Amino acid sequence: MSGRSSIVILIAALLLPAILTAAELRWPLEENPIAKGRPYTSYVQPTASGKDESALFGCVRNDGRRFHEAVDIAPVKPRRKGEATDPILAIHDGIVTHISNVSGNSSYGRYVVLEHPGLNLQVYTLYAHLSKVEAGLSLGQIVKAGERIGTMGRSAGGYTIPRSRSHLHLEIGLRLSDDFNEWYRRQAYTTPNKHGNFNGMNLIGWDPVDYYQAWESGRASSPLEYLERLRPAVMVHVQTDQRPDFAVRYPELVLPGCPTGDQAGWEVLLSPWGMPLSLKPLAKAELRGVRKPGDINVVGVDRKALGAYACRRIIEESKGKVSLGSGGAMVLEMLFMPDPRG
């Protein structure tokens, strides 16, 4: 993202809270089936497997071996020459922070990311596989809940989605790092990162269907209230004097802890699929199982909660010892990336 684009987005973020009236959650299509009490089988688009659950959030792909961080929503409007025509709408008031207009640049195809600083937690929403982005939509633009941002489609990079399975891939969640490019560079990937901090690897979400159901039932009326009700599954202690940018971006998730001058590390609670739910600063005497800066220790695990998300590999166990698995390690690396200056 260019410096000018960053400045435009920052100005929009400052302006957005002033124009909001109240938090509003809209369905990304014109009619909300959850508000009408319809089962998910009536509005999702399954994969080629034909299993309705393959469109949902969780370990629902490849016989439970692959994670899907979204809900895939089927078209409802009449098609034109076999193609979906449904307008895609912003679900919360927000700011356009990323537009990928080249289908081949991502497995998301054409996609738009909004961030929502006017809420009590600055979540992102991602709208993928668009046939087109709304004309005139630009970085830094403020959009209202229900405003059109694109048209449903089947765009994708590296594979083909048939007309019969056109859909919207909707994600809702948090952004792990403001310095994703540095983490990406260290992995020695052979393809460039064309999406900056809005690469899907840097975005970690929650179940959109459950989120809508929580609003409809009164269990939650804001993202923060929803997040506070999620069940943690892993507790880790990290020895570091860093204050990760995640904690700066989401101060609402930082729990009261030791005084700033005494901080030697953090306690991090993760959801069963690895999303950070809270961070708490700890004094050195409070840290468990870590001896030197950079050490990470798993100090608590809810195996039952983790069971449904085993494909995420948040932890691994060997000879009675529990440690971070590949999925959990990636999240913690992005949160507490070592200072490249040494």
Foldseek 3Di string as FASTA:
>chain_A
DDPVLVVLQVVLLVCVLVPDDAKFFDAFFPDDVVLVVDDQLVWAFADPVPDSCNQFAALNPPPSQDGAQFGWTDADDDADVLAGFTFTWAGTWFFWAFWDFALQLAQQGTKTKTWHSNFLATKIKMKGQFPGFPPPRDGSDTDHTGDTGGGWGHRGHPDGDDSVRTTITMFMFHFQAQQVQVVVVVVPDPDHDPTRSPDPLRTHGDTPVVVVNCCSVVCDDGPLSVLVPADFFWKKKAFDLDDFVSCVNGVVQEDEEDDNVQFGIWIFTAGLLGHTSHIYTYGPVPHPPDDDHGDMATDGGDVVRNVRRVSQQQWDDDPRGIDGGPNVVSSVCSRCPDDPVD
